[in-house]
Amino acid sequence: MTWSILVRDPATGALGAAVATRFFAVGALAIHVEGGVAALATQALINPIYAAAGMARLRAGEAADDVASGLLAGDAGRDHRQLHMIDARGRIAQRTGEDCVSWCGAVRGTDVSVAGNMLAGAAVVERTLEAFQRAAGSLAERLISALEAGEAAGGDKRGKQSAALKVCTRDAYPDLDIRTDDHPDPLRELRRLHAVSQERFAVFRRFLAGADSPCGVFDRAVIDAAIVREGRPPT
């Protein structure tokens, strides 16, 4: 019912995930990203436990392939699951259960994994991968462009309803986490939300406490001046 893309930026170490589907609020359960750890997606018949258990093992340094095998081995419903992940070293694991609804499968490239099920065809994941690899702009912009290409290739064969995007760099919490939970054109709305985030939020986020600054910046004058100077109003 879903296709998703997971990526690692080798230049910055940022990890990102984006997903689209004909299902309500896919971002609430399907994609999980933690800076310095991994990006993970659970889909088809989602198993939310994969995120909590899988991220803990990835955080401890286990390889993505070992984590995926371990999660599925303990799940009696594994034939109905689709799981993929990319860890902070760029190692990828992809698993598609035998009982996932066709078309279902996955493709990969260096630092990028794409997987989907209940799709119009293999071209959905192939075009998603190709579009990400040739796209320009920020990591978030490239992820949105990739999903748009997958949608143009047919997307979820039932239609469209929700989409989500999450990017993390150094912290356990995201640099950007946006969702379209129920919309007739969720990717268009996701792109609009991304544009809105660039006006104030993207600048404000840089001043929050995190791995590189345990207290962050709390001088409002400094923050406001940066927003005026660097904010990009939506066009």
C-alpha atoms as a PDB file:
ATOM      1  CA  MET A   1       0.000   0.000   0.000  1.00  0.00           C
ATOM      2  CA  THR A   2       3.052   2.220   0.185  1.00  0.00           C
ATOM      3  CA  TRP A   3       6.380   3.164  -1.281  1.00  0.00           C
ATOM      4  CA  SER A   4       9.196   4.895   0.529  1.00  0.00           C
ATOM      5  CA  ILE A   5      12.726   6.116   0.007  1.00  0.00           C
ATOM      6  CA  LEU A   6      15.485   6.105   2.627  1.00  0.00           C
ATOM      7  CA  VAL A   7      18.732   7.997   2.062  1.00  0.00           C
ATOM      8  CA  ARG A   8      22.045   8.933   3.606  1.00  0.00           C
ATOM      9  CA  ASP A   9      23.945  12.070   2.603  1.00  0.00           C
ATOM     10  CA  PRO A  10      27.642  11.067   2.640  1.00  0.00           C
ATOM     11  CA  ALA A  11      28.765  14.705   2.797  1.00  0.00           C
ATOM     12  CA  THR A  12      26.864  15.632   5.956  1.00  0.00           C
ATOM     13  CA  GLY A  13      25.847  12.299   7.461  1.00  0.00           C
ATOM     14  CA  ALA A  14      22.194  13.371   7.320  1.00  0.00           C
ATOM     15  CA  LEU A  15      19.617  10.611   7.093  1.00  0.00           C
ATOM     16  CA  GLY A  16      16.235  11.054   5.455  1.00  0.00           C
ATOM     17  CA  ALA A  17      13.031   9.231   4.654  1.00  0.00           C
ATOM     18  CA  ALA A  18       9.961  10.009   2.588  1.00  0.00           C
ATOM     19  CA  VAL A  19       6.822   7.968   1.945  1.00  0.00           C
ATOM     20  CA  ALA A  20       3.523   8.160   0.056  1.00  0.00           C
ATOM     21  CA  THR A  21       0.430   5.958   0.001  1.00  0.00           C
ATOM     22  CA  ARG A  22      -3.331   5.579  -0.346  1.00  0.00           C
ATOM     23  CA  PHE A  23      -3.710   5.278   3.416  1.00  0.00           C
ATOM     24  CA  PHE A  24      -4.395   7.704   6.234  1.00  0.00           C
ATOM     25  CA  ALA A  25      -1.495   9.352   8.120  1.00  0.00           C
ATOM     26  CA  VAL A  26       1.284   7.125   6.819  1.00  0.00           C
ATOM     27  CA  GLY A  27       3.926   9.313   8.485  1.00  0.00           C
ATOM     28  CA  ALA A  28       2.648   8.368  11.930  1.00  0.00           C
ATOM     29  CA  LEU A  29       3.790   4.748  11.690  1.00  0.00           C
ATOM     30  CA  ALA A  30       5.802   3.969   8.568  1.00  0.00           C
ATOM     31  CA  ILE A  31       9.034   6.015   8.607  1.00  0.00           C
ATOM     32  CA  HIS A  32      11.513   6.467  11.445  1.00  0.00           C
ATOM     33  CA  VAL A  33      14.782   8.416  11.389  1.00  0.00           C
ATOM     34  CA  GLU A  34      17.373   9.131  14.051  1.00  0.00           C
ATOM     35  CA  GLY A  35      20.461  11.235  13.435  1.00  0.00           C
ATOM     36  CA  GLY A  36      23.692   9.233  13.533  1.00  0.00           C
ATOM     37  CA  VAL A  37      21.753   5.962  13.697  1.00  0.00           C
ATOM     38  CA  ALA A  38      19.506   5.009  10.781  1.00  0.00           C
ATOM     39  CA  ALA A  39      16.420   5.548   8.669  1.00  0.00           C
ATOM     40  CA  LEU A  40      13.866   2.730   8.705  1.00  0.00           C
ATOM     41  CA  ALA A  41      10.516   2.064   7.038  1.00  0.00           C
ATOM     42  CA  THR A  42       7.947  -0.563   7.955  1.00  0.00           C
ATOM     43  CA  GLN A  43       5.146  -0.986   5.422  1.00  0.00           C
ATOM     44  CA  ALA A  44       2.663  -3.393   3.766  1.00  0.00           C
ATOM     45  CA  LEU A  45       1.039  -4.696   6.975  1.00  0.00           C
ATOM     46  CA  ILE A  46       3.005  -2.318   9.212  1.00  0.00           C
ATOM     47  CA  ASN A  47       4.610  -3.664  12.379  1.00  0.00           C
ATOM     48  CA  PRO A  48       5.237  -0.598  14.589  1.00  0.00           C
ATOM     49  CA  ILE A  49       7.440  -2.640  16.940  1.00  0.00           C
ATOM     50  CA  TYR A  50      10.099  -2.789  14.221  1.00  0.00           C
ATOM     51  CA  ALA A  51      10.892   0.873  14.818  1.00  0.00           C
ATOM     52  CA  ALA A  52      11.418   0.689  18.578  1.00  0.00           C
ATOM     53  CA  ALA A  53      13.252  -2.622  18.596  1.00  0.00           C
ATOM     54  CA  GLY A  54      15.149  -1.996  15.378  1.00  0.00           C
ATOM     55  CA  MET A  55      16.380   1.470  16.254  1.00  0.00           C
ATOM     56  CA  ALA A  56      17.664   0.246  19.618  1.00  0.00           C
ATOM     57  CA  ARG A  57      19.746  -2.426  17.895  1.00  0.00           C
ATOM     58  CA  LEU A  58      20.982  -0.023  15.219  1.00  0.00           C
ATOM     59  CA  ARG A  59      21.885   2.479  17.922  1.00  0.00           C
ATOM     60  CA  ALA A  60      24.022  -0.229  19.511  1.00  0.00           C
ATOM     61  CA  GLY A  61      25.963  -0.592  16.254  1.00  0.00           C
ATOM     62  CA  GLU A  62      24.444  -3.713  14.701  1.00  0.00           C
ATOM     63  CA  ALA A  63      24.526  -3.875  10.922  1.00  0.00           C
ATOM     64  CA  ALA A  64      21.271  -3.127   9.128  1.00  0.00           C
ATOM     65  CA  ASP A  65      21.057  -6.575   7.520  1.00  0.00           C
ATOM     66  CA  ASP A  66      21.448  -8.345  10.863  1.00  0.00           C
ATOM     67  CA  VAL A  67      18.817  -6.131  12.455  1.00  0.00           C
ATOM     68  CA  ALA A  68      16.308  -6.779   9.667  1.00  0.00           C
ATOM     69  CA  SER A  69      16.856 -10.537   9.841  1.00  0.00           C
ATOM     70  CA  GLY A  70      16.415 -10.533  13.607  1.00  0.00           C
ATOM     71  CA  LEU A  71      13.211  -8.500  13.525  1.00  0.00           C
ATOM     72  CA  LEU A  72      11.606 -10.731  10.911  1.00  0.00           C
ATOM     73  CA  ALA A  73      12.712 -13.962  12.552  1.00  0.00           C
ATOM     74  CA  GLY A  74      10.679 -13.120  15.630  1.00  0.00           C
ATOM     75  CA  ASP A  75       7.535 -12.046  13.737  1.00  0.00           C
ATOM     76  CA  ALA A  76       4.944 -14.673  12.799  1.00  0.00           C
ATOM     77  CA  GLY A  77       3.477 -12.145  10.340  1.00  0.00           C
ATOM     78  CA  ARG A  78       6.748 -11.574   8.478  1.00  0.00           C
ATOM     79  CA  ASP A  79       5.403 -12.818   5.139  1.00  0.00           C
ATOM     80  CA  HIS A  80       2.983  -9.859   5.146  1.00  0.00           C
ATOM     81  CA  ARG A  81       5.611  -7.230   6.020  1.00  0.00           C
ATOM     82  CA  GLN A  82       7.920  -5.053   4.005  1.00  0.00           C
ATOM     83  CA  LEU A  83      10.924  -3.612   5.791  1.00  0.00           C
ATOM     84  CA  HIS A  84      13.936  -1.645   4.665  1.00  0.00           C
ATOM     85  CA  MET A  85      16.552   0.464   6.404  1.00  0.00           C
ATOM     86  CA  ILE A  86      19.814   2.317   5.877  1.00  0.00           C
ATOM     87  CA  ASP A  87      22.204   2.821   8.755  1.00  0.00           C
ATOM     88  CA  ALA A  88      24.609   5.669   9.452  1.00  0.00           C
ATOM     89  CA  ARG A  89      27.387   3.864   7.571  1.00  0.00           C
ATOM     90  CA  GLY A  90      25.245   3.504   4.473  1.00  0.00           C
ATOM     91  CA  ARG A  91      24.563  -0.210   4.928  1.00  0.00           C
ATOM     92  CA  ILE A  92      21.175  -1.197   3.487  1.00  0.00           C
ATOM     93  CA  ALA A  93      18.742  -3.999   4.335  1.00  0.00           C
ATOM     94  CA  GLN A  94      15.613  -4.756   2.287  1.00  0.00           C
ATOM     95  CA  ARG A  95      13.002  -7.438   2.935  1.00  0.00           C
ATOM     96  CA  THR A  96       9.685  -8.011   1.130  1.00  0.00           C
ATOM     97  CA  GLY A  97       7.429 -10.759   2.474  1.00  0.00           C
ATOM     98  CA  GLU A  98       6.069 -13.430   0.148  1.00  0.00           C
ATOM     99  CA  ASP A  99       2.464 -12.425   0.856  1.00  0.00           C
ATOM    100  CA  CYS A 100       2.858  -8.687   0.194  1.00  0.00           C
ATOM    101  CA  VAL A 101       0.466  -7.461  -2.507  1.00  0.00           C
ATOM    102  CA  SER A 102       1.946  -6.995  -5.971  1.00  0.00           C
ATOM    103  CA  TRP A 103       3.554  -5.113  -7.389  1.00  0.00           C
ATOM    104  CA  CYS A 104       6.013  -5.293  -4.541  1.00  0.00           C
ATOM    105  CA  GLY A 105       9.780  -5.128  -4.296  1.00  0.00           C
ATOM    106  CA  ALA A 106      12.785  -2.888  -3.780  1.00  0.00           C
ATOM    107  CA  VAL A 107      15.723  -1.265  -5.536  1.00  0.00           C
ATOM    108  CA  ARG A 108      18.856   0.361  -4.191  1.00  0.00           C
ATOM    109  CA  GLY A 109      21.785   2.565  -5.062  1.00  0.00           C
ATOM    110  CA  THR A 110      24.720   3.959  -3.135  1.00  0.00           C
ATOM    111  CA  ASP A 111      23.283   5.499   0.045  1.00  0.00           C
ATOM    112  CA  VAL A 112      19.668   5.120  -1.115  1.00  0.00           C
ATOM    113  CA  SER A 113      16.995   2.433  -0.717  1.00  0.00           C
ATOM    114  CA  VAL A 114      13.512   2.414  -2.270  1.00  0.00           C
ATOM    115  CA  ALA A 115      10.813  -0.161  -1.496  1.00  0.00           C
ATOM    116  CA  GLY A 116       7.103  -0.456  -2.178  1.00  0.00           C
ATOM    117  CA  ASN A 117       4.095  -2.700  -2.329  1.00  0.00           C
ATOM    118  CA  MET A 118       0.604  -2.564  -3.852  1.00  0.00           C
ATOM    119  CA  LEU A 119       2.090  -0.361  -6.573  1.00  0.00           C
ATOM    120  CA  ALA A 120       1.181   0.233 -10.217  1.00  0.00           C
ATOM    121  CA  GLY A 121       4.413  -1.539 -11.207  1.00  0.00           C
ATOM    122  CA  ALA A 122       8.168  -1.774 -10.811  1.00  0.00           C
ATOM    123  CA  ALA A 123       8.586   1.586 -12.550  1.00  0.00           C
ATOM    124  CA  VAL A 124       7.372   3.329  -9.389  1.00  0.00           C
ATOM    125  CA  VAL A 125      10.419   2.376  -7.332  1.00  0.00           C
ATOM    126  CA  GLU A 126      12.776   2.572 -10.320  1.00  0.00           C
ATOM    127  CA  ARG A 127      11.737   6.128 -11.196  1.00  0.00           C
ATOM    128  CA  THR A 128      11.856   7.145  -7.545  1.00  0.00           C
ATOM    129  CA  LEU A 129      15.455   5.978  -7.287  1.00  0.00           C
ATOM    130  CA  GLU A 130      16.497   7.549 -10.587  1.00  0.00           C
ATOM    131  CA  ALA A 131      14.871  10.877  -9.755  1.00  0.00           C
ATOM    132  CA  PHE A 132      16.605  11.099  -6.395  1.00  0.00           C
ATOM    133  CA  GLN A 133      19.981  10.348  -7.942  1.00  0.00           C
ATOM    134  CA  ARG A 134      19.663  13.130 -10.511  1.00  0.00           C
ATOM    135  CA  ALA A 135      17.767  15.711  -8.411  1.00  0.00           C
ATOM    136  CA  ALA A 136      19.275  18.977  -7.209  1.00  0.00           C
ATOM    137  CA  GLY A 137      18.605  20.987  -4.072  1.00  0.00           C
ATOM    138  CA  SER A 138      18.485  20.113  -0.398  1.00  0.00           C
ATOM    139  CA  LEU A 139      18.045  16.556   0.831  1.00  0.00           C
ATOM    140  CA  ALA A 140      14.370  17.264   1.559  1.00  0.00           C
ATOM    141  CA  GLU A 141      13.799  18.728  -1.902  1.00  0.00           C
ATOM    142  CA  ARG A 142      15.452  15.716  -3.530  1.00  0.00           C
ATOM    143  CA  LEU A 143      13.256  13.334  -1.517  1.00  0.00           C
ATOM    144  CA  ILE A 144      10.083  15.132  -2.590  1.00  0.00           C
ATOM    145  CA  SER A 145      11.205  15.144  -6.226  1.00  0.00           C
ATOM    146  CA  ALA A 146      11.858  11.404  -5.988  1.00  0.00           C
ATOM    147  CA  LEU A 147       8.368  10.659  -4.691  1.00  0.00           C
ATOM    148  CA  GLU A 148       6.840  12.896  -7.359  1.00  0.00           C
ATOM    149  CA  ALA A 149       8.602  10.815 -10.009  1.00  0.00           C
ATOM    150  CA  GLY A 150       7.260   7.623  -8.458  1.00  0.00           C
ATOM    151  CA  GLU A 151       3.762   9.078  -8.418  1.00  0.00           C
ATOM    152  CA  ALA A 152       4.092  10.021 -12.091  1.00  0.00           C
ATOM    153  CA  ALA A 153       4.966   6.365 -12.785  1.00  0.00           C
ATOM    154  CA  GLY A 154       1.698   5.221 -11.189  1.00  0.00           C
ATOM    155  CA  GLY A 155       2.354   5.283  -7.457  1.00  0.00           C
ATOM    156  CA  ASP A 156       0.041   3.304  -5.176  1.00  0.00           C
ATOM    157  CA  LYS A 157      -2.310   1.508  -7.556  1.00  0.00           C
ATOM    158  CA  ARG A 158      -5.319   2.421  -5.374  1.00  0.00           C
ATOM    159  CA  GLY A 159      -4.662   6.177  -5.546  1.00  0.00           C
ATOM    160  CA  LYS A 160      -3.205   8.714  -3.124  1.00  0.00           C
ATOM    161  CA  GLN A 161      -4.029  10.059   0.324  1.00  0.00           C
ATOM    162  CA  SER A 162      -1.052  10.777   2.571  1.00  0.00           C
ATOM    163  CA  ALA A 163       2.684  11.443   2.458  1.00  0.00           C
ATOM    164  CA  ALA A 164       5.458  12.305   4.894  1.00  0.00           C
ATOM    165  CA  LEU A 165       9.094  13.349   5.045  1.00  0.00           C
ATOM    166  CA  LYS A 166      11.666  13.295   7.825  1.00  0.00           C
ATOM    167  CA  VAL A 167      15.321  14.415   7.833  1.00  0.00           C
ATOM    168  CA  CYS A 168      17.789  14.137  10.736  1.00  0.00           C
ATOM    169  CA  THR A 169      21.443  15.152  10.868  1.00  0.00           C
ATOM    170  CA  ARG A 170      23.142  14.949  14.273  1.00  0.00           C
ATOM    171  CA  ASP A 171      20.259  14.718  16.710  1.00  0.00           C
ATOM    172  CA  ALA A 172      17.710  12.123  17.766  1.00  0.00           C
ATOM    173  CA  TYR A 173      14.995  14.612  16.887  1.00  0.00           C
ATOM    174  CA  PRO A 174      14.515  15.792  13.285  1.00  0.00           C
ATOM    175  CA  ASP A 175      15.747  18.776  11.344  1.00  0.00           C
ATOM    176  CA  LEU A 176      12.448  18.574   9.462  1.00  0.00           C
ATOM    177  CA  ASP A 177       9.389  16.374  10.016  1.00  0.00           C
ATOM    178  CA  ILE A 178       6.369  17.187   7.835  1.00  0.00           C
ATOM    179  CA  ARG A 179       3.253  15.177   7.082  1.00  0.00           C
ATOM    180  CA  THR A 180       0.210  15.311   4.851  1.00  0.00           C
ATOM    181  CA  ASP A 181      -2.222  12.982   6.624  1.00  0.00           C
ATOM    182  CA  ASP A 182      -5.280  13.228   4.355  1.00  0.00           C
ATOM    183  CA  HIS A 183      -5.205  15.219   1.127  1.00  0.00           C
ATOM    184  CA  PRO A 184      -6.315  14.768  -2.506  1.00  0.00           C
ATOM    185  CA  ASP A 185      -2.785  15.650  -3.668  1.00  0.00           C
ATOM    186  CA  PRO A 186      -0.493  14.804  -0.735  1.00  0.00           C
ATOM    187  CA  LEU A 187       2.827  15.311  -2.511  1.00  0.00           C
ATOM    188  CA  ARG A 188       1.858  18.743  -3.733  1.00  0.00           C
ATOM    189  CA  GLU A 189       0.856  19.608  -0.171  1.00  0.00           C
ATOM    190  CA  LEU A 190       4.112  18.155   1.169  1.00  0.00           C
ATOM    191  CA  ARG A 191       6.067  20.407  -1.186  1.00  0.00           C
ATOM    192  CA  ARG A 192       4.006  23.395   0.001  1.00  0.00           C
ATOM    193  CA  LEU A 193       4.732  22.564   3.646  1.00  0.00           C
ATOM    194  CA  HIS A 194       8.431  22.292   2.863  1.00  0.00           C
ATOM    195  CA  ALA A 195       8.361  25.760   1.303  1.00  0.00           C
ATOM    196  CA  VAL A 196       6.606  27.165   4.376  1.00  0.00           C
ATOM    197  CA  SER A 197       9.241  25.577   6.622  1.00  0.00           C
ATOM    198  CA  GLN A 198      11.973  27.583   4.892  1.00  0.00           C
ATOM    199  CA  GLU A 199      10.491  30.927   5.910  1.00  0.00           C
ATOM    200  CA  ARG A 200      11.094  30.610   9.666  1.00  0.00           C
ATOM    201  CA  PHE A 201      11.250  27.048  10.924  1.00  0.00           C
ATOM    202  CA  ALA A 202      14.407  25.937   9.086  1.00  0.00           C
ATOM    203  CA  VAL A 203      16.351  28.875  10.516  1.00  0.00           C
ATOM    204  CA  PHE A 204      14.848  28.542  13.999  1.00  0.00           C
ATOM    205  CA  ARG A 205      15.701  24.811  14.073  1.00  0.00           C
ATOM    206  CA  ARG A 206      19.419  25.542  13.785  1.00  0.00           C
ATOM    207  CA  PHE A 207      19.410  27.374  17.112  1.00  0.00           C
ATOM    208  CA  LEU A 208      17.825  24.590  19.153  1.00  0.00           C
ATOM    209  CA  ALA A 209      19.763  22.558  21.717  1.00  0.00           C
ATOM    210  CA  GLY A 210      21.377  19.484  20.234  1.00  0.00           C
ATOM    211  CA  ALA A 211      24.489  17.363  19.943  1.00  0.00           C
ATOM    212  CA  ASP A 212      26.655  20.334  18.996  1.00  0.00           C
ATOM    213  CA  SER A 213      25.195  22.733  21.573  1.00  0.00           C
ATOM    214  CA  PRO A 214      23.566  21.354  24.741  1.00  0.00           C
ATOM    215  CA  CYS A 215      21.776  24.637  25.474  1.00  0.00           C
ATOM    216  CA  GLY A 216      21.338  25.978  21.956  1.00  0.00           C
ATOM    217  CA  VAL A 217      20.959  29.691  21.321  1.00  0.00           C
ATOM    218  CA  PHE A 218      18.280  31.445  23.358  1.00  0.00           C
ATOM    219  CA  ASP A 219      18.982  35.069  22.489  1.00  0.00           C
ATOM    220  CA  ARG A 220      15.798  36.004  20.669  1.00  0.00           C
ATOM    221  CA  ALA A 221      17.451  38.954  18.939  1.00  0.00           C
ATOM    222  CA  VAL A 222      20.023  36.659  17.351  1.00  0.00           C
ATOM    223  CA  ILE A 223      17.345  34.203  16.260  1.00  0.00           C
ATOM    224  CA  ASP A 224      15.033  36.875  14.856  1.00  0.00           C
ATOM    225  CA  ALA A 225      17.867  38.571  12.971  1.00  0.00           C
ATOM    226  CA  ALA A 226      18.824  35.262  11.352  1.00  0.00           C
ATOM    227  CA  ILE A 227      15.221  34.622  10.302  1.00  0.00           C
ATOM    228  CA  VAL A 228      15.020  38.078   8.692  1.00  0.00           C
ATOM    229  CA  ARG A 229      18.365  37.559   6.988  1.00  0.00           C
ATOM    230  CA  GLU A 230      18.030  33.933   5.867  1.00  0.00           C
ATOM    231  CA  GLY A 231      14.345  33.066   5.795  1.00  0.00           C
ATOM    232  CA  ARG A 232      12.894  32.188   2.397  1.00  0.00           C
ATOM    233  CA  PRO A 233       9.230  33.225   2.060  1.00  0.00           C
ATOM    234  CA  PRO A 234       7.140  30.757   0.022  1.00  0.00           C
ATOM    235  CA  THR A 235       6.683  31.798  -3.585  1.00  0.00           C
END
